[in-house]
Amino acid sequence: MATELTLLARHGAAAHALVQDEKVRLLQIAQTLAEHPESARAGDGVMVAGSKEELLGYAGISNRRIGARAFKVLEEEGRVIFEGYKKFIFRRMTCS
């Protein structure tokens, strides 16, 4: 029983690390797209033309479930805000 709990805890930690890695990759892609000269300023962020599927493809994430979890974390943090199907606002966080 203790071994099963240890394995379950390790699996949970590995899954969390995987989501974190995916989140970082998606964040890097979003930032790169936001720095493109054709991206427009939008309030407190940058409006970027791109769908979730395109971001997943650019980041090399083939598992949509893992991608959805990473998007959820980014949205909860306020780093990206999806507006419709093909646009999102990227918000660069600054240290104050």
Protein backbone atom coordinates (compact mmCIF):
# COMPACT_ATOMS: atom_id res chain seq x y z
CA MET A 1 0.00 0.00 0.00
CA ALA A 2 2.78 2.45 0.91
CA THR A 3 4.58 1.62 -2.33
CA GLU A 4 1.42 2.32 -4.32
CA LEU A 5 1.01 5.68 -2.59
CA THR A 6 4.63 6.54 -3.29
CA LEU A 7 4.21 5.65 -6.94
CA LEU A 8 0.98 7.65 -7.10
CA ALA A 9 2.73 10.67 -5.54
CA ARG A 10 5.61 10.39 -8.02
CA HIS A 11 3.17 10.12 -10.91
CA GLY A 12 1.36 13.24 -9.69
CA ALA A 13 4.61 15.15 -9.38
CA ALA A 14 5.70 14.06 -12.86
CA ALA A 15 2.35 15.07 -14.34
CA HIS A 16 2.60 18.47 -12.66
CA ALA A 17 6.13 18.95 -14.02
CA LEU A 18 4.93 17.97 -17.48
CA VAL A 19 2.17 20.58 -17.38
CA GLN A 20 4.68 23.16 -16.15
CA ASP A 21 7.01 22.33 -19.05
CA GLU A 22 4.14 22.61 -21.53
CA LYS A 23 3.07 25.89 -19.94
CA VAL A 24 6.56 27.33 -20.34
CA ARG A 25 6.73 26.26 -23.98
CA LEU A 26 3.32 27.78 -24.73
CA LEU A 27 4.32 30.97 -22.94
CA GLN A 28 7.52 31.24 -24.98
CA ILE A 29 5.58 30.78 -28.24
CA ALA A 30 2.97 33.36 -27.20
CA GLN A 31 5.70 35.84 -26.30
CA THR A 32 7.48 35.29 -29.61
CA LEU A 33 4.24 35.88 -31.52
CA ALA A 34 3.47 38.98 -29.42
CA GLU A 35 6.87 40.46 -30.32
CA HIS A 36 6.06 40.23 -34.04
CA PRO A 37 5.85 43.68 -35.66
CA GLU A 38 2.32 43.04 -36.98
CA SER A 39 0.91 42.31 -33.51
CA ALA A 40 -1.30 45.15 -32.28
CA ARG A 41 -1.34 46.67 -28.80
CA ALA A 42 -4.60 45.98 -26.96
CA GLY A 43 -5.16 47.67 -23.62
CA ASP A 44 -2.67 46.15 -21.22
CA GLY A 45 -1.38 43.52 -23.61
CA VAL A 46 -0.72 42.59 -27.21
CA MET A 47 -3.42 41.19 -29.53
CA VAL A 48 -2.07 38.17 -31.38
CA ALA A 49 -3.78 36.34 -34.24
CA GLY A 50 -3.53 32.63 -33.51
CA SER A 51 -5.72 29.78 -32.33
CA LYS A 52 -5.07 27.37 -29.49
CA GLU A 53 -4.45 24.60 -32.01
CA GLU A 54 -1.82 26.69 -33.78
CA LEU A 55 -0.07 27.45 -30.48
CA LEU A 56 -0.08 23.76 -29.57
CA GLY A 57 1.43 22.93 -32.96
CA TYR A 58 4.14 25.59 -32.68
CA ALA A 59 5.03 24.36 -29.18
CA GLY A 60 5.16 20.73 -30.35
CA ILE A 61 2.37 19.60 -28.02
CA SER A 62 0.36 16.80 -29.55
CA ASN A 63 -1.73 15.90 -26.49
CA ARG A 64 -4.73 18.24 -26.41
CA ARG A 65 -5.59 17.38 -22.80
CA ILE A 66 -2.17 18.46 -21.55
CA GLY A 67 -2.39 21.56 -23.73
CA ALA A 68 -5.82 22.42 -22.33
CA ARG A 69 -4.47 22.18 -18.77
CA ALA A 70 -1.53 24.44 -19.63
CA PHE A 71 -3.87 26.97 -21.28
CA LYS A 72 -6.07 26.94 -18.20
CA VAL A 73 -3.09 27.70 -15.95
CA LEU A 74 -1.97 30.54 -18.24
CA GLU A 75 -5.48 32.00 -18.31
CA GLU A 76 -5.80 31.77 -14.52
CA GLU A 77 -2.47 33.58 -14.16
CA GLY A 78 -3.71 36.27 -16.54
CA ARG A 79 -0.87 35.74 -19.00
CA VAL A 80 -3.15 35.02 -21.97
CA ILE A 81 -6.77 35.88 -22.58
CA PHE A 82 -8.46 34.16 -25.50
CA GLU A 83 -10.86 36.31 -27.50
CA GLY A 84 -12.89 34.08 -29.75
CA TYR A 85 -11.35 31.31 -31.77
CA LYS A 86 -8.44 32.94 -33.61
CA LYS A 87 -7.15 35.69 -31.31
CA PHE A 88 -5.63 36.05 -27.89
CA ILE A 89 -4.18 38.82 -25.77
CA PHE A 90 -0.73 38.21 -24.37
CA ARG A 91 0.05 40.07 -21.17
CA ARG A 92 3.67 40.43 -20.19
CA MET A 93 4.03 40.30 -16.43
CA THR A 94 6.39 42.81 -14.91
CA CYS A 95 8.03 42.77 -11.51
CA SER A 96 7.12 45.77 -9.39
